[in-house]
Structures are given as structure tokens and as C-alpha cells.
Amino acid sequence: MLCDPHGSERRIRTPPAALATLRGVSDTLIELSERLQEAAARLRAGDLEPDATLALIEECASLASEASAHVDERVRAALEPLPDLPGQLPLPSA
């Protein structure tokens, strides 16, 4: 949730058109991105106390690290060959 200057809360959402172009992006990454965008908006607002600002910056670093680990995990899974299963015949060479 994000508070606008008038005090009402709103949630930042990625537009559906943008999601359509992000094939393979998981719900986890979308959620992490939204949380980072919300945190960035709070930081830009400039109305946080120094301690709260530091805590939010640390949260951003943690979220970014989590997103990076998630992407790395997905990339490794995509690059690693699948194990040979018993009874599976090899594909003929071209």
C-alpha cells in the first residue's frame, strides 16, 4: 500500500499490458517488484524519519537480493540439463 499526499491508500500495480510482455516472470518476481516500487515511492516522498529511511533502504536491499536469488535459481534451472530417466531413449542425432 502507498499513501498519496492526501492520506488515502492505494496499491501500485503493474499494468496488464506490461505483464503480457514479461513472459516467464513469476508471481514472486512481480510481487517483489511491486514492493520495491512502493518502497521507492516512499523514499521519494521524503517524509520519513532518518531511522525509518535507513530501515526502508535495508528492506530494499533485502528485496533486491531476494529477487536476484530467485532469478538466478530460474536461470540455473533453465540451463541445467534434465536428468536421464530410467527407460528413456535418447533422441536421434540430426
PDB file of N, CA and C in Angstrom:
ATOM      1  N   MET A   1       0.837  -1.185   0.000  1.00  0.00           N
ATOM      2  CA  MET A   1       0.000   0.000   0.000  1.00  0.00           C
ATOM      3  C   MET A   1       0.875   1.239   0.000  1.00  0.00           C
ATOM      4  N   LEU A   2       0.344   2.260  -0.552  1.00  0.00           N
ATOM      5  CA  LEU A   2       1.075   3.510  -0.648  1.00  0.00           C
ATOM      6  C   LEU A   2       0.106   4.628  -0.299  1.00  0.00           C
ATOM      7  N   CYS A   3       0.556   5.605   0.468  1.00  0.00           N
ATOM      8  CA  CYS A   3      -0.299   6.743   0.804  1.00  0.00           C
ATOM      9  C   CYS A   3       0.043   7.897  -0.118  1.00  0.00           C
ATOM     10  N   ASP A   4      -0.982   8.476  -0.705  1.00  0.00           N
ATOM     11  CA  ASP A   4      -0.729   9.652  -1.532  1.00  0.00           C
ATOM     12  C   ASP A   4      -0.701  10.884  -0.634  1.00  0.00           C
ATOM     13  N   PRO A   5      -0.374  12.058  -1.182  1.00  0.00           N
ATOM     14  CA  PRO A   5      -0.268  13.255  -0.349  1.00  0.00           C
ATOM     15  C   PRO A   5      -1.529  13.600   0.430  1.00  0.00           C
ATOM     16  N   HIS A   6      -2.673  13.073  -0.006  1.00  0.00           N
ATOM     17  CA  HIS A   6      -3.939  13.370   0.656  1.00  0.00           C
ATOM     18  C   HIS A   6      -4.267  12.358   1.748  1.00  0.00           C
ATOM     19  N   GLY A   7      -3.368  11.369   1.960  1.00  0.00           N
ATOM     20  CA  GLY A   7      -3.557  10.406   3.031  1.00  0.00           C
ATOM     21  C   GLY A   7      -4.344   9.171   2.645  1.00  0.00           C
ATOM     22  N   SER A   8      -4.841   9.084   1.421  1.00  0.00           N
ATOM     23  CA  SER A   8      -5.582   7.887   1.035  1.00  0.00           C
ATOM     24  C   SER A   8      -4.596   6.840   0.525  1.00  0.00           C
ATOM     25  N   GLU A   9      -4.923   5.567   0.799  1.00  0.00           N
ATOM     26  CA  GLU A   9      -4.033   4.488   0.411  1.00  0.00           C
ATOM     27  C   GLU A   9      -4.378   3.992  -0.980  1.00  0.00           C
ATOM     28  N   ARG A  10      -3.327   3.590  -1.689  1.00  0.00           N
ATOM     29  CA  ARG A  10      -3.538   2.977  -2.992  1.00  0.00           C
ATOM     30  C   ARG A  10      -2.443   1.946  -3.196  1.00  0.00           C
ATOM     31  N   ARG A  11      -2.701   0.981  -4.025  1.00  0.00           N
ATOM     32  CA  ARG A  11      -1.722  -0.071  -4.296  1.00  0.00           C
ATOM     33  C   ARG A  11      -1.184   0.123  -5.704  1.00  0.00           C
ATOM     34  N   ILE A  12       0.139   0.058  -5.818  1.00  0.00           N
ATOM     35  CA  ILE A  12       0.762   0.171  -7.128  1.00  0.00           C
ATOM     36  C   ILE A  12       0.682  -1.194  -7.791  1.00  0.00           C
ATOM     37  N   ARG A  13       0.179  -1.236  -8.984  1.00  0.00           N
ATOM     38  CA  ARG A  13       0.057  -2.474  -9.741  1.00  0.00           C
ATOM     39  C   ARG A  13       0.748  -2.311 -11.082  1.00  0.00           C
ATOM     40  N   THR A  14       1.364  -3.388 -11.535  1.00  0.00           N
ATOM     41  CA  THR A  14       1.953  -3.391 -12.859  1.00  0.00           C
ATOM     42  C   THR A  14       0.812  -3.497 -13.859  1.00  0.00           C
ATOM     43  N   PRO A  15       0.764  -2.611 -14.872  1.00  0.00           N
ATOM     44  CA  PRO A  15      -0.323  -2.664 -15.848  1.00  0.00           C
ATOM     45  C   PRO A  15      -0.356  -4.013 -16.566  1.00  0.00           C
ATOM     46  N   PRO A  16      -1.565  -4.524 -16.871  1.00  0.00           N
ATOM     47  CA  PRO A  16      -1.674  -5.819 -17.545  1.00  0.00           C
ATOM     48  C   PRO A  16      -0.889  -5.880 -18.850  1.00  0.00           C
ATOM     49  N   ALA A  17      -0.828  -4.798 -19.603  1.00  0.00           N
ATOM     50  CA  ALA A  17      -0.088  -4.795 -20.859  1.00  0.00           C
ATOM     51  C   ALA A  17       1.395  -5.060 -20.603  1.00  0.00           C
ATOM     52  N   ALA A  18       1.917  -4.505 -19.532  1.00  0.00           N
ATOM     53  CA  ALA A  18       3.327  -4.722 -19.204  1.00  0.00           C
ATOM     54  C   ALA A  18       3.560  -6.171 -18.800  1.00  0.00           C
ATOM     55  N   LEU A  19       2.616  -6.762 -18.092  1.00  0.00           N
ATOM     56  CA  LEU A  19       2.761  -8.154 -17.677  1.00  0.00           C
ATOM     57  C   LEU A  19       2.752  -9.086 -18.879  1.00  0.00           C
ATOM     58  N   ALA A  20       1.988  -8.737 -19.892  1.00  0.00           N
ATOM     59  CA  ALA A  20       1.901  -9.575 -21.084  1.00  0.00           C
ATOM     60  C   ALA A  20       3.236  -9.650 -21.806  1.00  0.00           C
ATOM     61  N   THR A  21       4.062  -8.639 -21.681  1.00  0.00           N
ATOM     62  CA  THR A  21       5.356  -8.638 -22.361  1.00  0.00           C
ATOM     63  C   THR A  21       6.444  -9.283 -21.518  1.00  0.00           C
ATOM     64  N   LEU A  22       6.141  -9.650 -20.298  1.00  0.00           N
ATOM     65  CA  LEU A  22       7.130 -10.223 -19.396  1.00  0.00           C
ATOM     66  C   LEU A  22       6.914 -11.726 -19.240  1.00  0.00           C
ATOM     67  N   ARG A  23       7.025 -12.443 -20.352  1.00  0.00           N
ATOM     68  CA  ARG A  23       6.831 -13.886 -20.303  1.00  0.00           C
ATOM     69  C   ARG A  23       7.845 -14.513 -19.369  1.00  0.00           C
ATOM     70  N   GLY A  24       7.412 -15.460 -18.612  1.00  0.00           N
ATOM     71  CA  GLY A  24       8.312 -16.188 -17.738  1.00  0.00           C
ATOM     72  C   GLY A  24       8.597 -15.505 -16.411  1.00  0.00           C
ATOM     73  N   VAL A  25       8.035 -14.339 -16.193  1.00  0.00           N
ATOM     74  CA  VAL A  25       8.237 -13.664 -14.912  1.00  0.00           C
ATOM     75  C   VAL A  25       7.237 -14.259 -13.929  1.00  0.00           C
ATOM     76  N   SER A  26       7.741 -14.708 -12.814  1.00  0.00           N
ATOM     77  CA  SER A  26       6.886 -15.391 -11.849  1.00  0.00           C
ATOM     78  C   SER A  26       6.124 -14.390 -10.983  1.00  0.00           C
ATOM     79  N   ASP A  27       5.104 -14.896 -10.315  1.00  0.00           N
ATOM     80  CA  ASP A  27       4.338 -14.076  -9.382  1.00  0.00           C
ATOM     81  C   ASP A  27       5.230 -13.533  -8.275  1.00  0.00           C
ATOM     82  N   THR A  28       6.205 -14.343  -7.868  1.00  0.00           N
ATOM     83  CA  THR A  28       7.129 -13.903  -6.821  1.00  0.00           C
ATOM     84  C   THR A  28       7.903 -12.671  -7.274  1.00  0.00           C
ATOM     85  N   LEU A  29       8.403 -12.690  -8.506  1.00  0.00           N
ATOM     86  CA  LEU A  29       9.155 -11.543  -9.011  1.00  0.00           C
ATOM     87  C   LEU A  29       8.264 -10.321  -9.179  1.00  0.00           C
ATOM     88  N   ILE A  30       7.051 -10.523  -9.603  1.00  0.00           N
ATOM     89  CA  ILE A  30       6.114  -9.406  -9.755  1.00  0.00           C
ATOM     90  C   ILE A  30       5.838  -8.784  -8.387  1.00  0.00           C
ATOM     91  N   GLU A  31       5.615  -9.635  -7.390  1.00  0.00           N
ATOM     92  CA  GLU A  31       5.361  -9.130  -6.033  1.00  0.00           C
ATOM     93  C   GLU A  31       6.582  -8.374  -5.495  1.00  0.00           C
ATOM     94  N   LEU A  32       7.776  -8.931  -5.681  1.00  0.00           N
ATOM     95  CA  LEU A  32       8.984  -8.254  -5.216  1.00  0.00           C
ATOM     96  C   LEU A  32       9.165  -6.909  -5.920  1.00  0.00           C
ATOM     97  N   SER A  33       8.876  -6.880  -7.212  1.00  0.00           N
ATOM     98  CA  SER A  33       8.978  -5.634  -7.971  1.00  0.00           C
ATOM     99  C   SER A  33       8.001  -4.588  -7.442  1.00  0.00           C
ATOM    100  N   GLU A  34       6.781  -5.010  -7.166  1.00  0.00           N
ATOM    101  CA  GLU A  34       5.784  -4.083  -6.626  1.00  0.00           C
ATOM    102  C   GLU A  34       6.220  -3.535  -5.270  1.00  0.00           C
ATOM    103  N   ARG A  35       6.762  -4.421  -4.433  1.00  0.00           N
ATOM    104  CA  ARG A  35       7.209  -3.977  -3.105  1.00  0.00           C
ATOM    105  C   ARG A  35       8.373  -2.999  -3.215  1.00  0.00           C
ATOM    106  N   LEU A  36       9.288  -3.250  -4.160  1.00  0.00           N
ATOM    107  CA  LEU A  36      10.395  -2.323  -4.377  1.00  0.00           C
ATOM    108  C   LEU A  36       9.892  -0.971  -4.900  1.00  0.00           C
ATOM    109  N   GLN A  37       8.914  -1.010  -5.806  1.00  0.00           N
ATOM    110  CA  GLN A  37       8.350   0.237  -6.329  1.00  0.00           C
ATOM    111  C   GLN A  37       7.663   1.032  -5.220  1.00  0.00           C
ATOM    112  N   GLU A  38       6.947   0.343  -4.355  1.00  0.00           N
ATOM    113  CA  GLU A  38       6.288   1.017  -3.229  1.00  0.00           C
ATOM    114  C   GLU A  38       7.315   1.654  -2.304  1.00  0.00           C
ATOM    115  N   ALA A  39       8.385   0.912  -2.016  1.00  0.00           N
ATOM    116  CA  ALA A  39       9.434   1.438  -1.137  1.00  0.00           C
ATOM    117  C   ALA A  39      10.110   2.645  -1.776  1.00  0.00           C
ATOM    118  N   ALA A  40      10.370   2.569  -3.071  1.00  0.00           N
ATOM    119  CA  ALA A  40      10.996   3.698  -3.773  1.00  0.00           C
ATOM    120  C   ALA A  40      10.101   4.929  -3.725  1.00  0.00           C
ATOM    121  N   ALA A  41       8.815   4.724  -3.884  1.00  0.00           N
ATOM    122  CA  ALA A  41       7.879   5.861  -3.826  1.00  0.00           C
ATOM    123  C   ALA A  41       7.889   6.491  -2.432  1.00  0.00           C
ATOM    124  N   ARG A  42       7.953   5.654  -1.399  1.00  0.00           N
ATOM    125  CA  ARG A  42       8.005   6.187  -0.025  1.00  0.00           C
ATOM    126  C   ARG A  42       9.299   6.969   0.195  1.00  0.00           C
ATOM    127  N   LEU A  43      10.397   6.457  -0.349  1.00  0.00           N
ATOM    128  CA  LEU A  43      11.676   7.161  -0.207  1.00  0.00           C
ATOM    129  C   LEU A  43      11.649   8.498  -0.954  1.00  0.00           C
ATOM    130  N   ARG A  44      11.062   8.495  -2.155  1.00  0.00           N
ATOM    131  CA  ARG A  44      10.978   9.739  -2.937  1.00  0.00           C
ATOM    132  C   ARG A  44      10.106  10.788  -2.260  1.00  0.00           C
ATOM    133  N   ALA A  45       9.121  10.332  -1.505  1.00  0.00           N
ATOM    134  CA  ALA A  45       8.218  11.274  -0.836  1.00  0.00           C
ATOM    135  C   ALA A  45       8.992  12.141   0.157  1.00  0.00           C
ATOM    136  N   GLY A  46      10.052  11.593   0.737  1.00  0.00           N
ATOM    137  CA  GLY A  46      10.914  12.359   1.619  1.00  0.00           C
ATOM    138  C   GLY A  46      10.337  12.708   2.974  1.00  0.00           C
ATOM    139  N   ASP A  47       9.269  12.022   3.391  1.00  0.00           N
ATOM    140  CA  ASP A  47       8.659  12.369   4.672  1.00  0.00           C
ATOM    141  C   ASP A  47       8.964  11.365   5.784  1.00  0.00           C
ATOM    142  N   LEU A  48      10.001  10.538   5.587  1.00  0.00           N
ATOM    143  CA  LEU A  48      10.380   9.552   6.596  1.00  0.00           C
ATOM    144  C   LEU A  48      11.458  10.108   7.513  1.00  0.00           C
ATOM    145  N   GLU A  49      11.435   9.647   8.739  1.00  0.00           N
ATOM    146  CA  GLU A  49      12.496   9.978   9.685  1.00  0.00           C
ATOM    147  C   GLU A  49      13.765   9.242   9.249  1.00  0.00           C
ATOM    148  N   PRO A  50      14.932   9.720   9.657  1.00  0.00           N
ATOM    149  CA  PRO A  50      16.185   9.061   9.238  1.00  0.00           C
ATOM    150  C   PRO A  50      16.242   7.565   9.560  1.00  0.00           C
ATOM    151  N   ASP A  51      15.796   7.172  10.748  1.00  0.00           N
ATOM    152  CA  ASP A  51      15.824   5.749  11.109  1.00  0.00           C
ATOM    153  C   ASP A  51      14.891   4.933  10.215  1.00  0.00           C
ATOM    154  N   ALA A  52      13.713   5.480   9.930  1.00  0.00           N
ATOM    155  CA  ALA A  52      12.759   4.792   9.057  1.00  0.00           C
ATOM    156  C   ALA A  52      13.307   4.714   7.633  1.00  0.00           C
ATOM    157  N   THR A  53      13.999   5.755   7.197  1.00  0.00           N
ATOM    158  CA  THR A  53      14.600   5.757   5.868  1.00  0.00           C
ATOM    159  C   THR A  53      15.656   4.666   5.774  1.00  0.00           C
ATOM    160  N   LEU A  54      16.511   4.573   6.785  1.00  0.00           N
ATOM    161  CA  LEU A  54      17.550   3.547   6.804  1.00  0.00           C
ATOM    162  C   LEU A  54      16.932   2.154   6.790  1.00  0.00           C
ATOM    163  N   ALA A  55      15.895   1.935   7.578  1.00  0.00           N
ATOM    164  CA  ALA A  55      15.230   0.628   7.622  1.00  0.00           C
ATOM    165  C   ALA A  55      14.624   0.290   6.258  1.00  0.00           C
ATOM    166  N   LEU A  56      14.044   1.293   5.590  1.00  0.00           N
ATOM    167  CA  LEU A  56      13.438   1.061   4.282  1.00  0.00           C
ATOM    168  C   LEU A  56      14.510   0.764   3.233  1.00  0.00           C
ATOM    169  N   ILE A  57      15.649   1.439   3.319  1.00  0.00           N
ATOM    170  CA  ILE A  57      16.754   1.163   2.395  1.00  0.00           C
ATOM    171  C   ILE A  57      17.255  -0.263   2.600  1.00  0.00           C
ATOM    172  N   GLU A  58      17.357  -0.686   3.857  1.00  0.00           N
ATOM    173  CA  GLU A  58      17.776  -2.054   4.137  1.00  0.00           C
ATOM    174  C   GLU A  58      16.753  -3.066   3.621  1.00  0.00           C
ATOM    175  N   GLU A  59      15.472  -2.726   3.733  1.00  0.00           N
ATOM    176  CA  GLU A  59      14.430  -3.599   3.198  1.00  0.00           C
ATOM    177  C   GLU A  59      14.553  -3.693   1.684  1.00  0.00           C
ATOM    178  N   CYS A  60      14.837  -2.567   1.027  1.00  0.00           N
ATOM    179  CA  CYS A  60      15.025  -2.575  -0.432  1.00  0.00           C
ATOM    180  C   CYS A  60      16.192  -3.485  -0.821  1.00  0.00           C
ATOM    181  N   ALA A  61      17.286  -3.399  -0.072  1.00  0.00           N
ATOM    182  CA  ALA A  61      18.437  -4.255  -0.355  1.00  0.00           C
ATOM    183  C   ALA A  61      18.073  -5.725  -0.186  1.00  0.00           C
ATOM    184  N   SER A  62      17.310  -6.025   0.839  1.00  0.00           N
ATOM    185  CA  SER A  62      16.880  -7.397   1.080  1.00  0.00           C
ATOM    186  C   SER A  62      15.959  -7.891  -0.039  1.00  0.00           C
ATOM    187  N   LEU A  63      15.008  -7.053  -0.454  1.00  0.00           N
ATOM    188  CA  LEU A  63      14.097  -7.420  -1.536  1.00  0.00           C
ATOM    189  C   LEU A  63      14.856  -7.629  -2.841  1.00  0.00           C
ATOM    190  N   ALA A  64      15.810  -6.742  -3.126  1.00  0.00           N
ATOM    191  CA  ALA A  64      16.599  -6.870  -4.348  1.00  0.00           C
ATOM    192  C   ALA A  64      17.427  -8.150  -4.321  1.00  0.00           C
ATOM    193  N   SER A  65      17.977  -8.481  -3.168  1.00  0.00           N
ATOM    194  CA  SER A  65      18.755  -9.713  -3.028  1.00  0.00           C
ATOM    195  C   SER A  65      17.864 -10.930  -3.240  1.00  0.00           C
ATOM    196  N   GLU A  66      16.670 -10.893  -2.686  1.00  0.00           N
ATOM    197  CA  GLU A  66      15.721 -11.999  -2.851  1.00  0.00           C
ATOM    198  C   GLU A  66      15.326 -12.152  -4.319  1.00  0.00           C
ATOM    199  N   ALA A  67      15.076 -11.045  -4.994  1.00  0.00           N
ATOM    200  CA  ALA A  67      14.716 -11.089  -6.415  1.00  0.00           C
ATOM    201  C   ALA A  67      15.875 -11.650  -7.238  1.00  0.00           C
ATOM    202  N   SER A  68      17.089 -11.217  -6.925  1.00  0.00           N
ATOM    203  CA  SER A  68      18.267 -11.702  -7.637  1.00  0.00           C
ATOM    204  C   SER A  68      18.437 -13.206  -7.454  1.00  0.00           C
ATOM    205  N   ALA A  69      18.258 -13.687  -6.233  1.00  0.00           N
ATOM    206  CA  ALA A  69      18.378 -15.125  -5.959  1.00  0.00           C
ATOM    207  C   ALA A  69      17.308 -15.912  -6.712  1.00  0.00           C
ATOM    208  N   HIS A  70      16.105 -15.351  -6.785  1.00  0.00           N
ATOM    209  CA  HIS A  70      15.016 -16.021  -7.495  1.00  0.00           C
ATOM    210  C   HIS A  70      15.325 -16.108  -8.989  1.00  0.00           C
ATOM    211  N   VAL A  71      15.811 -15.012  -9.561  1.00  0.00           N
ATOM    212  CA  VAL A  71      16.168 -15.010 -10.986  1.00  0.00           C
ATOM    213  C   VAL A  71      17.310 -15.990 -11.235  1.00  0.00           C
ATOM    214  N   ASP A  72      18.317 -15.972 -10.377  1.00  0.00           N
ATOM    215  CA  ASP A  72      19.453 -16.876 -10.527  1.00  0.00           C
ATOM    216  C   ASP A  72      18.989 -18.334 -10.482  1.00  0.00           C
ATOM    217  N   GLU A  73      18.093 -18.640  -9.568  1.00  0.00           N
ATOM    218  CA  GLU A  73      17.565 -20.003  -9.447  1.00  0.00           C
ATOM    219  C   GLU A  73      16.845 -20.426 -10.725  1.00  0.00           C
ATOM    220  N   ARG A  74      16.047 -19.520 -11.285  1.00  0.00           N
ATOM    221  CA  ARG A  74      15.309 -19.832 -12.515  1.00  0.00           C
ATOM    222  C   ARG A  74      16.245 -20.000 -13.698  1.00  0.00           C
ATOM    223  N   VAL A  75      17.276 -19.160 -13.782  1.00  0.00           N
ATOM    224  CA  VAL A  75      18.229 -19.266 -14.879  1.00  0.00           C
ATOM    225  C   VAL A  75      18.995 -20.577 -14.787  1.00  0.00           C
ATOM    226  N   ARG A  76      19.448 -20.919 -13.585  1.00  0.00           N
ATOM    227  CA  ARG A  76      20.180 -22.182 -13.409  1.00  0.00           C
ATOM    228  C   ARG A  76      19.296 -23.367 -13.780  1.00  0.00           C
ATOM    229  N   ALA A  77      18.042 -23.332 -13.382  1.00  0.00           N
ATOM    230  CA  ALA A  77      17.123 -24.433 -13.701  1.00  0.00           C
ATOM    231  C   ALA A  77      16.914 -24.541 -15.206  1.00  0.00           C
ATOM    232  N   ALA A  78      16.878 -23.410 -15.893  1.00  0.00           N
ATOM    233  CA  ALA A  78      16.675 -23.430 -17.343  1.00  0.00           C
ATOM    234  C   ALA A  78      17.921 -23.924 -18.076  1.00  0.00           C
ATOM    235  N   LEU A  79      19.099 -23.689 -17.526  1.00  0.00           N
ATOM    236  CA  LEU A  79      20.341 -24.065 -18.196  1.00  0.00           C
ATOM    237  C   LEU A  79      20.804 -25.481 -17.897  1.00  0.00           C
ATOM    238  N   GLU A  80      20.426 -26.006 -16.743  1.00  0.00           N
ATOM    239  CA  GLU A  80      20.865 -27.346 -16.371  1.00  0.00           C
ATOM    240  C   GLU A  80      20.078 -28.394 -17.150  1.00  0.00           C
ATOM    241  N   PRO A  81      20.784 -29.383 -17.679  1.00  0.00           N
ATOM    242  CA  PRO A  81      20.061 -30.427 -18.419  1.00  0.00           C
ATOM    243  C   PRO A  81      19.213 -31.267 -17.475  1.00  0.00           C
ATOM    244  N   LEU A  82      18.145 -31.783 -18.002  1.00  0.00           N
ATOM    245  CA  LEU A  82      17.286 -32.662 -17.206  1.00  0.00           C
ATOM    246  C   LEU A  82      17.994 -33.998 -17.002  1.00  0.00           C
ATOM    247  N   PRO A  83      17.781 -34.636 -15.885  1.00  0.00           N
ATOM    248  CA  PRO A  83      18.435 -35.927 -15.657  1.00  0.00           C
ATOM    249  C   PRO A  83      17.848 -36.995 -16.583  1.00  0.00           C
ATOM    250  N   ASP A  84      18.687 -37.972 -16.921  1.00  0.00           N
ATOM    251  CA  ASP A  84      18.197 -39.099 -17.715  1.00  0.00           C
ATOM    252  C   ASP A  84      17.285 -39.938 -16.836  1.00  0.00           C
ATOM    253  N   LEU A  85      16.107 -40.203 -17.333  1.00  0.00           N
ATOM    254  CA  LEU A  85      15.148 -41.002 -16.579  1.00  0.00           C
ATOM    255  C   LEU A  85      15.248 -42.462 -17.019  1.00  0.00           C
ATOM    256  N   PRO A  86      15.044 -43.395 -16.105  1.00  0.00           N
ATOM    257  CA  PRO A  86      15.103 -44.819 -16.479  1.00  0.00           C
ATOM    258  C   PRO A  86      14.083 -45.131 -17.563  1.00  0.00           C
ATOM    259  N   GLY A  87      14.537 -45.900 -18.574  1.00  0.00           N
ATOM    260  CA  GLY A  87      13.637 -46.297 -19.642  1.00  0.00           C
ATOM    261  C   GLY A  87      13.467 -45.257 -20.738  1.00  0.00           C
ATOM    262  N   GLN A  88      14.129 -44.120 -20.602  1.00  0.00           N
ATOM    263  CA  GLN A  88      14.011 -43.064 -21.607  1.00  0.00           C
ATOM    264  C   GLN A  88      15.051 -43.296 -22.707  1.00  0.00           C
ATOM    265  N   LEU A  89      14.599 -43.275 -23.941  1.00  0.00           N
ATOM    266  CA  LEU A  89      15.501 -43.479 -25.073  1.00  0.00           C
ATOM    267  C   LEU A  89      16.094 -42.139 -25.497  1.00  0.00           C
ATOM    268  N   PRO A  90      17.364 -42.131 -25.899  1.00  0.00           N
ATOM    269  CA  PRO A  90      17.967 -40.890 -26.363  1.00  0.00           C
ATOM    270  C   PRO A  90      17.373 -40.464 -27.699  1.00  0.00           C
ATOM    271  N   LEU A  91      17.353 -39.179 -27.957  1.00  0.00           N
ATOM    272  CA  LEU A  91      16.873 -38.651 -29.239  1.00  0.00           C
ATOM    273  C   LEU A  91      17.940 -38.906 -30.298  1.00  0.00           C
ATOM    274  N   PRO A  92      17.510 -39.255 -31.526  1.00  0.00           N
ATOM    275  CA  PRO A  92      18.494 -39.475 -32.566  1.00  0.00           C
ATOM    276  C   PRO A  92      19.192 -38.175 -32.952  1.00  0.00           C
ATOM    277  N   SER A  93      20.459 -38.273 -33.311  1.00  0.00           N
ATOM    278  CA  SER A  93      21.218 -37.089 -33.743  1.00  0.00           C
ATOM    279  C   SER A  93      20.768 -36.675 -35.119  1.00  0.00           C
ATOM    280  N   ALA A  94      20.830 -35.391 -35.398  1.00  0.00           N
ATOM    281  CA  ALA A  94      20.372 -34.889 -36.703  1.00  0.00           C
ATOM    282  C   ALA A  94      21.393 -35.099 -37.778  1.00  0.00           C
TER     283      ALA A  94
END
